[in-house]
């Protein structure tokens, strides 16, 4: 489980779009794997088999519509909360930790907005660094489809992030409120 947890969690998170739901799906998939380990024929790598089980669990959850909107997630979506979970916090540069958490939250947000097929391929290829062939085998789709979805997912992410940066550019070197008032007051005082 420890060997594949990260990859499988990321896959579940990409498919379901929710941390808590992804954790639940991953646990159910592991239980399913344990119960059906006798049926594992070793036709494919263990990682591929586990990936398929997680994917099937996630897709089943989506079909059943079992997402509970009223449940409060146990893991906060607040980017500042992720800072406390970092493995080796650099207390010398908390601003860098906050900036990294904000960038990560922005990327996750934009990734969540991608269509599920693109999101899943992107996570397996770019985040988990699986090969085209491994991704195709895990998802049961042709390698050409993996290539085109990965390319399209990266393009869509670039566009979404570019729009976000364009919006942020307008707020650079903000000069409203107290900054403006201070300059005006200083000039008037000197006059």
N, C-alpha and C. Protein backbone atom coordinates (compact mmCIF):
# COMPACT_ATOMS: atom_id res chain seq x y z
N UNK A 1 0.82 -1.19 0.00
CA UNK A 1 0.00 0.00 0.00
C UNK A 1 0.86 1.25 0.00
N UNK A 2 1.91 1.27 0.83
CA UNK A 2 2.76 2.45 0.90
C UNK A 2 3.45 2.72 -0.45
N UNK A 3 3.75 1.67 -1.15
CA UNK A 3 4.44 1.82 -2.43
C UNK A 3 3.57 2.52 -3.47
N UNK A 4 2.27 2.27 -3.46
CA UNK A 4 1.39 2.78 -4.51
C UNK A 4 0.41 3.85 -4.02
N UNK A 5 0.40 4.13 -2.73
CA UNK A 5 -0.57 5.08 -2.16
C UNK A 5 -0.60 6.42 -2.89
N UNK A 6 0.55 6.98 -3.08
CA UNK A 6 0.62 8.33 -3.66
C UNK A 6 0.01 8.36 -5.06
N UNK A 7 0.44 7.43 -5.90
CA UNK A 7 -0.08 7.39 -7.27
C UNK A 7 -1.58 7.15 -7.29
N UNK A 8 -2.02 6.19 -6.50
CA UNK A 8 -3.43 5.83 -6.51
C UNK A 8 -4.30 6.93 -5.92
N UNK A 9 -3.80 7.60 -4.87
CA UNK A 9 -4.55 8.71 -4.30
C UNK A 9 -4.69 9.84 -5.33
N UNK A 10 -3.60 10.16 -5.99
CA UNK A 10 -3.65 11.23 -6.98
C UNK A 10 -4.64 10.90 -8.10
N UNK A 11 -4.65 9.66 -8.52
CA UNK A 11 -5.60 9.24 -9.54
C UNK A 11 -7.03 9.42 -9.03
N UNK A 12 -7.29 8.95 -7.83
CA UNK A 12 -8.64 9.07 -7.25
C UNK A 12 -9.02 10.53 -7.09
N UNK A 13 -8.09 11.34 -6.65
CA UNK A 13 -8.36 12.77 -6.47
C UNK A 13 -8.65 13.44 -7.81
N UNK A 14 -7.93 13.03 -8.84
CA UNK A 14 -8.16 13.60 -10.18
C UNK A 14 -9.53 13.22 -10.72
N UNK A 15 -9.95 12.00 -10.48
CA UNK A 15 -11.23 11.53 -11.01
C UNK A 15 -12.39 12.11 -10.21
N UNK A 16 -12.27 12.12 -8.89
CA UNK A 16 -13.40 12.51 -8.04
C UNK A 16 -13.43 14.00 -7.71
N UNK A 17 -12.27 14.66 -7.74
CA UNK A 17 -12.24 16.09 -7.46
C UNK A 17 -12.45 16.47 -6.01
N UNK A 18 -12.32 15.51 -5.11
CA UNK A 18 -12.55 15.79 -3.69
C UNK A 18 -11.60 14.92 -2.87
N UNK A 19 -10.89 15.55 -1.93
CA UNK A 19 -9.89 14.82 -1.13
C UNK A 19 -10.52 13.69 -0.31
N UNK A 20 -11.57 14.00 0.40
CA UNK A 20 -12.19 13.02 1.28
C UNK A 20 -12.76 11.86 0.49
N UNK A 21 -13.44 12.18 -0.59
CA UNK A 21 -14.02 11.13 -1.43
C UNK A 21 -12.91 10.27 -2.05
N UNK A 22 -11.80 10.90 -2.42
CA UNK A 22 -10.68 10.15 -3.00
C UNK A 22 -10.09 9.19 -1.98
N UNK A 23 -9.96 9.63 -0.74
CA UNK A 23 -9.44 8.75 0.31
C UNK A 23 -10.37 7.56 0.53
N UNK A 24 -11.66 7.83 0.57
CA UNK A 24 -12.63 6.75 0.74
C UNK A 24 -12.56 5.75 -0.41
N UNK A 25 -12.47 6.26 -1.63
CA UNK A 25 -12.40 5.38 -2.79
C UNK A 25 -11.13 4.54 -2.76
N UNK A 26 -10.03 5.15 -2.36
CA UNK A 26 -8.76 4.42 -2.29
C UNK A 26 -8.85 3.30 -1.26
N UNK A 27 -9.44 3.58 -0.12
CA UNK A 27 -9.58 2.55 0.91
C UNK A 27 -10.45 1.40 0.42
N UNK A 28 -11.55 1.74 -0.24
CA UNK A 28 -12.44 0.69 -0.77
C UNK A 28 -11.72 -0.14 -1.84
N UNK A 29 -10.92 0.51 -2.66
CA UNK A 29 -10.19 -0.22 -3.70
C UNK A 29 -9.17 -1.17 -3.07
N UNK A 30 -8.51 -0.73 -2.00
CA UNK A 30 -7.56 -1.62 -1.32
C UNK A 30 -8.29 -2.82 -0.71
N UNK A 31 -9.45 -2.58 -0.12
CA UNK A 31 -10.22 -3.69 0.43
C UNK A 31 -10.64 -4.65 -0.67
N UNK A 32 -11.05 -4.10 -1.79
CA UNK A 32 -11.43 -4.94 -2.94
C UNK A 32 -10.22 -5.75 -3.42
N UNK A 33 -9.05 -5.12 -3.46
CA UNK A 33 -7.83 -5.82 -3.88
C UNK A 33 -7.51 -6.95 -2.92
N UNK A 34 -7.66 -6.70 -1.63
CA UNK A 34 -7.38 -7.72 -0.63
C UNK A 34 -8.33 -8.91 -0.80
N UNK A 35 -9.62 -8.60 -1.01
CA UNK A 35 -10.62 -9.67 -1.15
C UNK A 35 -10.44 -10.46 -2.44
N UNK A 36 -9.92 -9.82 -3.48
CA UNK A 36 -9.84 -10.50 -4.77
C UNK A 36 -8.41 -10.78 -5.21
N UNK A 37 -7.47 -10.79 -4.29
CA UNK A 37 -6.06 -11.02 -4.65
C UNK A 37 -5.86 -12.39 -5.29
N UNK A 38 -6.73 -13.35 -4.94
CA UNK A 38 -6.63 -14.68 -5.55
C UNK A 38 -6.90 -14.62 -7.05
N UNK A 39 -7.69 -13.65 -7.47
CA UNK A 39 -8.02 -13.50 -8.88
C UNK A 39 -6.98 -12.75 -9.68
N UNK A 40 -5.96 -12.21 -9.01
CA UNK A 40 -4.91 -11.48 -9.73
C UNK A 40 -4.07 -12.49 -10.51
N UNK A 41 -4.07 -12.32 -11.83
CA UNK A 41 -3.40 -13.29 -12.71
C UNK A 41 -2.00 -12.88 -13.13
N UNK A 42 -1.57 -11.71 -12.76
CA UNK A 42 -0.25 -11.20 -13.11
C UNK A 42 -0.09 -11.01 -14.61
N UNK A 43 -1.22 -10.84 -15.33
CA UNK A 43 -1.14 -10.50 -16.75
C UNK A 43 -0.54 -9.12 -16.92
N UNK A 44 -0.81 -8.25 -15.98
CA UNK A 44 -0.29 -6.89 -15.97
C UNK A 44 0.45 -6.68 -14.66
N UNK A 45 1.16 -5.58 -14.57
CA UNK A 45 1.88 -5.26 -13.34
C UNK A 45 0.87 -5.05 -12.20
N UNK A 46 1.31 -5.31 -10.99
CA UNK A 46 0.45 -5.10 -9.82
C UNK A 46 -0.04 -3.65 -9.77
N UNK A 47 0.84 -2.72 -10.10
CA UNK A 47 0.44 -1.30 -10.08
C UNK A 47 -0.68 -1.03 -11.07
N UNK A 48 -0.65 -1.67 -12.21
CA UNK A 48 -1.70 -1.49 -13.22
C UNK A 48 -3.02 -2.06 -12.71
N UNK A 49 -2.95 -3.24 -12.09
CA UNK A 49 -4.15 -3.87 -11.54
C UNK A 49 -4.76 -2.99 -10.46
N UNK A 50 -3.92 -2.50 -9.54
CA UNK A 50 -4.41 -1.63 -8.47
C UNK A 50 -4.98 -0.33 -9.04
N UNK A 51 -4.32 0.22 -10.04
CA UNK A 51 -4.81 1.45 -10.68
C UNK A 51 -6.18 1.22 -11.27
N UNK A 52 -6.35 0.09 -11.91
CA UNK A 52 -7.66 -0.23 -12.51
C UNK A 52 -8.73 -0.38 -11.44
N UNK A 53 -8.38 -1.01 -10.30
CA UNK A 53 -9.34 -1.14 -9.20
C UNK A 53 -9.75 0.22 -8.65
N UNK A 54 -8.79 1.09 -8.47
CA UNK A 54 -9.09 2.44 -7.97
C UNK A 54 -9.95 3.19 -8.97
N UNK A 55 -9.60 3.10 -10.23
CA UNK A 55 -10.37 3.79 -11.26
C UNK A 55 -11.80 3.26 -11.31
N UNK A 56 -11.96 1.95 -11.23
CA UNK A 56 -13.30 1.36 -11.23
C UNK A 56 -14.11 1.83 -10.01
N UNK A 57 -13.47 1.89 -8.86
CA UNK A 57 -14.16 2.36 -7.65
C UNK A 57 -14.58 3.82 -7.81
N UNK A 58 -13.70 4.63 -8.34
CA UNK A 58 -14.02 6.06 -8.54
C UNK A 58 -15.16 6.23 -9.53
N UNK A 59 -15.09 5.53 -10.62
CA UNK A 59 -16.14 5.65 -11.64
C UNK A 59 -17.47 5.13 -11.10
N UNK A 60 -17.43 4.06 -10.31
CA UNK A 60 -18.65 3.55 -9.69
C UNK A 60 -19.25 4.57 -8.74
N UNK A 61 -18.41 5.24 -7.99
CA UNK A 61 -18.90 6.28 -7.07
C UNK A 61 -19.54 7.42 -7.83
N UNK A 62 -18.92 7.79 -8.93
CA UNK A 62 -19.49 8.88 -9.72
C UNK A 62 -20.83 8.47 -10.31
N UNK A 63 -20.92 7.22 -10.79
CA UNK A 63 -22.18 6.74 -11.36
C UNK A 63 -23.28 6.71 -10.32
N UNK A 64 -22.94 6.24 -9.13
CA UNK A 64 -23.96 6.13 -8.07
C UNK A 64 -24.31 7.49 -7.49
N UNK A 65 -23.52 8.49 -7.78
CA UNK A 65 -23.80 9.81 -7.25
C UNK A 65 -23.71 9.86 -5.74
N UNK A 66 -22.72 9.16 -5.19
CA UNK A 66 -22.65 9.03 -3.74
C UNK A 66 -21.91 10.18 -3.05
N UNK A 67 -21.59 11.20 -3.80
CA UNK A 67 -20.91 12.34 -3.15
C UNK A 67 -21.88 13.03 -2.20
N UNK A 68 -21.46 13.19 -1.01
CA UNK A 68 -22.31 13.82 0.00
C UNK A 68 -21.87 15.27 0.17
N UNK A 69 -22.71 16.19 -0.31
CA UNK A 69 -22.38 17.61 -0.25
C UNK A 69 -22.44 18.16 1.17
N UNK A 70 -23.18 17.50 2.04
CA UNK A 70 -23.36 18.04 3.39
C UNK A 70 -22.24 17.64 4.34
N UNK A 71 -21.36 16.72 3.93
CA UNK A 71 -20.30 16.28 4.81
C UNK A 71 -19.15 17.28 4.75
N UNK A 72 -18.68 17.69 5.90
CA UNK A 72 -17.56 18.62 5.96
C UNK A 72 -16.28 17.81 5.81
N UNK A 73 -15.41 18.18 4.86
CA UNK A 73 -14.18 17.42 4.66
C UNK A 73 -13.28 17.46 5.91
N UNK A 74 -12.66 16.34 6.19
CA UNK A 74 -11.75 16.26 7.33
C UNK A 74 -10.42 16.94 7.02
N UNK A 75 -10.07 16.98 5.75
CA UNK A 75 -8.84 17.64 5.34
C UNK A 75 -9.22 18.98 4.74
N UNK A 76 -8.72 20.07 5.29
CA UNK A 76 -9.14 21.38 4.79
C UNK A 76 -8.63 21.66 3.40
N UNK A 77 -9.42 22.41 2.64
CA UNK A 77 -9.01 22.83 1.31
C UNK A 77 -8.24 24.14 1.38
N UNK A 78 -8.08 24.68 2.58
CA UNK A 78 -7.39 25.94 2.78
C UNK A 78 -5.90 25.76 2.50
N UNK A 79 -5.33 26.50 1.54
CA UNK A 79 -3.93 26.33 1.20
C UNK A 79 -3.00 26.59 2.38
N UNK A 80 -3.38 27.47 3.29
CA UNK A 80 -2.50 27.75 4.42
C UNK A 80 -2.39 26.55 5.35
N UNK A 81 -3.40 25.69 5.34
CA UNK A 81 -3.35 24.49 6.18
C UNK A 81 -2.33 23.50 5.65
N UNK A 82 -2.09 23.52 4.35
CA UNK A 82 -1.12 22.60 3.74
C UNK A 82 0.29 22.92 4.19
N UNK A 83 0.52 24.14 4.62
CA UNK A 83 1.85 24.54 5.04
C UNK A 83 2.28 23.74 6.26
N UNK A 84 1.37 23.54 7.18
CA UNK A 84 1.70 22.79 8.39
C UNK A 84 1.99 21.33 8.11
N UNK A 85 1.61 20.82 6.94
CA UNK A 85 1.80 19.42 6.61
C UNK A 85 3.07 19.18 5.82
N UNK A 86 3.85 20.21 5.54
CA UNK A 86 5.05 20.01 4.73
C UNK A 86 6.07 19.21 5.53
N UNK A 87 6.84 18.40 4.83
CA UNK A 87 7.75 17.47 5.47
C UNK A 87 8.87 18.19 6.23
N UNK A 88 9.47 19.20 5.61
CA UNK A 88 10.56 19.91 6.26
C UNK A 88 10.32 21.41 6.10
N UNK A 89 9.53 21.98 6.99
CA UNK A 89 9.21 23.40 6.83
C UNK A 89 10.45 24.27 6.99
N UNK A 90 10.58 25.22 6.10
CA UNK A 90 11.68 26.17 6.16
C UNK A 90 11.17 27.41 6.87
N UNK A 91 11.38 27.46 8.18
CA UNK A 91 10.82 28.54 8.98
C UNK A 91 11.48 29.88 8.66
N UNK A 92 12.60 29.84 7.96
CA UNK A 92 13.27 31.07 7.58
C UNK A 92 12.51 31.81 6.50
N UNK A 93 11.70 31.09 5.69
CA UNK A 93 11.05 31.69 4.54
C UNK A 93 9.56 31.33 4.50
N UNK A 94 8.79 31.78 5.47
CA UNK A 94 7.37 31.43 5.47
C UNK A 94 6.62 32.00 4.27
N UNK A 95 7.10 33.13 3.74
CA UNK A 95 6.43 33.70 2.57
C UNK A 95 6.55 32.78 1.36
N UNK A 96 7.67 32.08 1.25
CA UNK A 96 7.83 31.12 0.15
C UNK A 96 6.92 29.92 0.33
N UNK A 97 6.73 29.48 1.58
CA UNK A 97 5.83 28.37 1.85
C UNK A 97 4.39 28.75 1.49
N UNK A 98 4.01 29.96 1.85
CA UNK A 98 2.65 30.42 1.54
C UNK A 98 2.47 30.55 0.04
N UNK A 99 3.46 31.11 -0.63
CA UNK A 99 3.38 31.27 -2.08
C UNK A 99 3.28 29.91 -2.77
N UNK A 100 4.07 28.95 -2.31
CA UNK A 100 4.03 27.61 -2.91
C UNK A 100 2.67 26.96 -2.67
N UNK A 101 2.11 27.14 -1.48
CA UNK A 101 0.79 26.57 -1.18
C UNK A 101 -0.27 27.23 -2.04
N UNK A 102 -0.16 28.52 -2.27
CA UNK A 102 -1.14 29.22 -3.10
C UNK A 102 -1.04 28.78 -4.56
N UNK A 103 0.17 28.61 -5.04
CA UNK A 103 0.35 28.13 -6.43
C UNK A 103 -0.20 26.73 -6.57
N UNK A 104 0.10 25.87 -5.59
CA UNK A 104 -0.40 24.50 -5.62
C UNK A 104 -1.93 24.49 -5.61
N UNK A 105 -2.53 25.34 -4.78
CA UNK A 105 -4.00 25.42 -4.71
C UNK A 105 -4.57 25.91 -6.03
N UNK A 106 -3.92 26.88 -6.66
CA UNK A 106 -4.37 27.38 -7.95
C UNK A 106 -4.30 26.28 -9.01
N UNK A 107 -3.18 25.55 -9.05
CA UNK A 107 -3.04 24.46 -10.01
C UNK A 107 -4.09 23.38 -9.78
N UNK A 108 -4.30 23.01 -8.53
CA UNK A 108 -5.31 21.99 -8.23
C UNK A 108 -6.70 22.47 -8.65
N UNK A 109 -6.97 23.73 -8.41
CA UNK A 109 -8.27 24.29 -8.78
C UNK A 109 -8.47 24.24 -10.29
N UNK A 110 -7.47 24.65 -11.03
CA UNK A 110 -7.58 24.64 -12.50
C UNK A 110 -7.61 23.21 -13.03
N UNK A 111 -6.88 22.32 -12.40
CA UNK A 111 -6.89 20.92 -12.80
C UNK A 111 -8.27 20.30 -12.57
N UNK A 112 -8.90 20.67 -11.46
CA UNK A 112 -10.24 20.16 -11.15
C UNK A 112 -11.27 20.61 -12.19
N UNK A 113 -11.01 21.71 -12.88
CA UNK A 113 -11.94 22.23 -13.87
C UNK A 113 -11.81 21.54 -15.23
N UNK A 114 -10.75 20.76 -15.43
CA UNK A 114 -10.59 20.03 -16.69
C UNK A 114 -11.60 18.91 -16.79
N UNK A 115 -11.97 18.52 -18.01
CA UNK A 115 -12.81 17.33 -18.16
C UNK A 115 -12.11 16.11 -17.56
N UNK A 116 -12.88 15.20 -17.02
CA UNK A 116 -12.33 14.05 -16.28
C UNK A 116 -11.30 13.25 -17.07
N UNK A 117 -11.55 13.00 -18.34
CA UNK A 117 -10.61 12.23 -19.15
C UNK A 117 -9.26 12.90 -19.27
N UNK A 118 -9.26 14.20 -19.45
CA UNK A 118 -8.01 14.95 -19.55
C UNK A 118 -7.31 15.00 -18.21
N UNK A 119 -8.08 15.25 -17.15
CA UNK A 119 -7.54 15.37 -15.80
C UNK A 119 -6.84 14.07 -15.38
N UNK A 120 -7.48 12.96 -15.64
CA UNK A 120 -6.91 11.66 -15.24
C UNK A 120 -5.61 11.38 -15.98
N UNK A 121 -5.61 11.61 -17.27
CA UNK A 121 -4.40 11.39 -18.06
C UNK A 121 -3.30 12.33 -17.60
N UNK A 122 -3.64 13.59 -17.36
CA UNK A 122 -2.63 14.56 -16.92
C UNK A 122 -1.99 14.12 -15.61
N UNK A 123 -2.79 13.69 -14.65
CA UNK A 123 -2.25 13.29 -13.36
C UNK A 123 -1.32 12.08 -13.51
N UNK A 124 -1.75 11.10 -14.27
CA UNK A 124 -0.91 9.90 -14.44
C UNK A 124 0.38 10.21 -15.21
N UNK A 125 0.29 11.06 -16.23
CA UNK A 125 1.46 11.36 -17.05
C UNK A 125 2.37 12.42 -16.40
N UNK A 126 1.82 13.55 -16.01
CA UNK A 126 2.65 14.66 -15.54
C UNK A 126 2.97 14.61 -14.06
N UNK A 127 2.01 14.20 -13.26
CA UNK A 127 2.24 14.19 -11.82
C UNK A 127 2.91 12.89 -11.39
N UNK A 128 2.36 11.77 -11.85
CA UNK A 128 2.92 10.47 -11.48
C UNK A 128 4.03 10.00 -12.41
N UNK A 129 4.20 10.69 -13.53
CA UNK A 129 5.27 10.44 -14.49
C UNK A 129 5.24 9.02 -15.06
N UNK A 130 4.04 8.50 -15.30
CA UNK A 130 3.92 7.22 -15.97
C UNK A 130 4.19 7.43 -17.46
N UNK A 131 4.65 6.40 -18.11
CA UNK A 131 4.86 6.48 -19.55
C UNK A 131 3.52 6.47 -20.26
N UNK A 132 3.54 6.79 -21.54
CA UNK A 132 2.32 6.76 -22.34
C UNK A 132 1.73 5.36 -22.31
N UNK A 133 2.58 4.37 -22.47
CA UNK A 133 2.13 2.98 -22.51
C UNK A 133 1.53 2.55 -21.17
N UNK A 134 2.18 2.91 -20.07
CA UNK A 134 1.66 2.56 -18.74
C UNK A 134 0.31 3.23 -18.50
N UNK A 135 0.20 4.48 -18.89
CA UNK A 135 -1.05 5.21 -18.71
C UNK A 135 -2.16 4.57 -19.54
N UNK A 136 -1.83 4.24 -20.79
CA UNK A 136 -2.81 3.60 -21.67
C UNK A 136 -3.29 2.28 -21.09
N UNK A 137 -2.35 1.51 -20.55
CA UNK A 137 -2.70 0.21 -19.97
C UNK A 137 -3.57 0.39 -18.72
N UNK A 138 -3.21 1.36 -17.87
CA UNK A 138 -3.98 1.61 -16.65
C UNK A 138 -5.41 2.03 -16.96
N UNK A 139 -5.57 2.87 -17.97
CA UNK A 139 -6.88 3.42 -18.27
C UNK A 139 -7.65 2.61 -19.31
N UNK A 140 -6.96 1.67 -19.95
CA UNK A 140 -7.62 0.85 -20.96
C UNK A 140 -7.98 1.64 -22.21
N UNK A 141 -7.12 2.58 -22.59
CA UNK A 141 -7.35 3.38 -23.79
C UNK A 141 -6.11 3.31 -24.67
N UNK A 142 -6.23 3.62 -25.96
CA UNK A 142 -5.07 3.57 -26.85
C UNK A 142 -4.01 4.62 -26.47
N UNK A 143 -2.76 4.32 -26.77
CA UNK A 143 -1.66 5.22 -26.48
C UNK A 143 -1.84 6.57 -27.19
N UNK A 144 -2.40 6.54 -28.40
CA UNK A 144 -2.63 7.78 -29.14
C UNK A 144 -3.61 8.69 -28.39
N UNK A 145 -4.61 8.07 -27.77
CA UNK A 145 -5.57 8.84 -26.99
C UNK A 145 -4.89 9.46 -25.78
N UNK A 146 -4.00 8.72 -25.15
CA UNK A 146 -3.24 9.26 -24.01
C UNK A 146 -2.44 10.47 -24.46
N UNK A 147 -1.75 10.34 -25.58
CA UNK A 147 -0.93 11.46 -26.08
C UNK A 147 -1.78 12.69 -26.36
N UNK A 148 -2.90 12.51 -27.05
CA UNK A 148 -3.72 13.67 -27.41
C UNK A 148 -4.39 14.28 -26.18
N UNK A 149 -4.85 13.45 -25.25
CA UNK A 149 -5.48 14.00 -24.04
C UNK A 149 -4.47 14.73 -23.17
N UNK A 150 -3.26 14.18 -23.10
CA UNK A 150 -2.22 14.83 -22.30
C UNK A 150 -1.86 16.18 -22.90
N UNK A 151 -1.69 16.22 -24.21
CA UNK A 151 -1.39 17.47 -24.90
C UNK A 151 -2.50 18.49 -24.69
N UNK A 152 -3.73 18.04 -24.85
CA UNK A 152 -4.88 18.94 -24.70
C UNK A 152 -5.03 19.41 -23.25
N UNK A 153 -4.79 18.52 -22.29
CA UNK A 153 -4.88 18.91 -20.87
C UNK A 153 -3.85 19.98 -20.55
N UNK A 154 -2.62 19.82 -21.04
CA UNK A 154 -1.59 20.83 -20.79
C UNK A 154 -1.97 22.15 -21.44
N UNK A 155 -2.53 22.10 -22.63
CA UNK A 155 -2.95 23.33 -23.31
C UNK A 155 -4.06 24.04 -22.53
N UNK A 156 -5.04 23.26 -22.07
CA UNK A 156 -6.14 23.85 -21.31
C UNK A 156 -5.65 24.45 -19.99
N UNK A 157 -4.71 23.76 -19.34
CA UNK A 157 -4.16 24.29 -18.09
C UNK A 157 -3.39 25.59 -18.34
N UNK A 158 -2.58 25.60 -19.41
CA UNK A 158 -1.84 26.82 -19.74
C UNK A 158 -2.79 27.99 -19.98
N UNK A 159 -3.86 27.73 -20.72
CA UNK A 159 -4.83 28.79 -21.01
C UNK A 159 -5.49 29.29 -19.72
N UNK A 160 -5.88 28.37 -18.86
CA UNK A 160 -6.54 28.76 -17.61
C UNK A 160 -5.59 29.55 -16.72
N UNK A 161 -4.35 29.11 -16.63
CA UNK A 161 -3.38 29.81 -15.80
C UNK A 161 -3.02 31.16 -16.41
N UNK A 162 -2.95 31.24 -17.72
CA UNK A 162 -2.67 32.53 -18.38
C UNK A 162 -3.78 33.52 -18.09
N UNK A 163 -5.03 33.07 -18.13
CA UNK A 163 -6.14 33.97 -17.80
C UNK A 163 -6.03 34.44 -16.36
N UNK A 164 -5.66 33.55 -15.47
CA UNK A 164 -5.52 33.90 -14.06
C UNK A 164 -4.40 34.92 -13.87
N UNK A 165 -3.30 34.73 -14.58
CA UNK A 165 -2.17 35.67 -14.49
C UNK A 165 -2.56 37.02 -15.08
N UNK A 166 -3.30 36.99 -16.20
CA UNK A 166 -3.76 38.25 -16.79
C UNK A 166 -4.61 39.04 -15.81
N UNK A 167 -5.47 38.35 -15.08
CA UNK A 167 -6.31 39.02 -14.08
C UNK A 167 -5.47 39.55 -12.93
N UNK A 168 -4.45 38.78 -12.54
CA UNK A 168 -3.59 39.19 -11.43
C UNK A 168 -2.72 40.38 -11.79
N UNK A 169 -2.36 40.50 -13.07
CA UNK A 169 -1.52 41.61 -13.50
C UNK A 169 -2.15 42.95 -13.16
N UNK A 170 -3.46 43.02 -13.22
CA UNK A 170 -4.16 44.26 -12.94
C UNK A 170 -3.97 44.72 -11.50
N UNK A 171 -3.66 43.77 -10.61
CA UNK A 171 -3.51 44.09 -9.20
C UNK A 171 -2.07 44.30 -8.77
N UNK A 172 -1.12 44.19 -9.72
CA UNK A 172 0.28 44.39 -9.36
C UNK A 172 0.51 45.82 -8.88
N UNK A 173 1.36 45.96 -7.92
CA UNK A 173 1.72 47.26 -7.36
C UNK A 173 0.47 48.08 -7.04
N UNK A 174 -0.44 47.44 -6.35
CA UNK A 174 -1.70 48.08 -5.97
C UNK A 174 -1.42 49.39 -5.25
N UNK A 175 -2.16 50.42 -5.61
CA UNK A 175 -1.89 51.75 -5.07
C UNK A 175 -3.15 52.40 -4.53
N UNK A 176 -4.01 51.63 -3.99
CA UNK A 176 -5.24 52.21 -3.46
C UNK A 176 -5.14 52.40 -1.97
N UNK A 177 -6.22 52.87 -1.41
CA UNK A 177 -6.37 52.96 0.04
C UNK A 177 -5.30 53.73 0.74
N UNK A 178 -4.72 53.13 1.77
CA UNK A 178 -3.78 53.82 2.64
C UNK A 178 -2.51 54.25 1.93
N UNK A 179 -2.08 53.49 0.90
CA UNK A 179 -0.88 53.89 0.16
C UNK A 179 -1.10 55.25 -0.50
N UNK A 180 -2.21 55.36 -1.19
CA UNK A 180 -2.56 56.59 -1.87
C UNK A 180 -2.73 57.73 -0.87
N UNK A 181 -3.46 57.43 0.21
CA UNK A 181 -3.70 58.45 1.23
C UNK A 181 -2.40 58.95 1.84
N UNK A 182 -1.46 58.08 2.09
CA UNK A 182 -0.17 58.46 2.69
C UNK A 182 0.60 59.40 1.78
N UNK A 183 0.65 59.09 0.48
CA UNK A 183 1.37 59.94 -0.48
C UNK A 183 0.72 61.32 -0.54
N UNK A 184 -0.60 61.33 -0.64
CA UNK A 184 -1.33 62.60 -0.70
C UNK A 184 -1.05 63.42 0.57
N UNK A 185 -1.11 62.77 1.70
CA UNK A 185 -0.89 63.47 2.97
C UNK A 185 0.53 64.01 3.05
N UNK A 186 1.50 63.25 2.62
CA UNK A 186 2.90 63.69 2.64
C UNK A 186 3.11 64.88 1.73
N UNK A 187 2.54 64.83 0.52
CA UNK A 187 2.69 65.94 -0.41
C UNK A 187 2.02 67.18 0.15
N UNK A 188 0.80 67.04 0.65
CA UNK A 188 0.10 68.20 1.21
C UNK A 188 0.85 68.78 2.41
N UNK A 189 1.45 67.93 3.20
CA UNK A 189 2.19 68.39 4.37
C UNK A 189 3.40 69.20 3.93
N UNK A 190 4.07 68.73 2.89
CA UNK A 190 5.27 69.42 2.41
C UNK A 190 4.92 70.72 1.71
N UNK A 191 3.71 70.83 1.20
CA UNK A 191 3.29 72.06 0.56
C UNK A 191 3.04 73.08 1.62
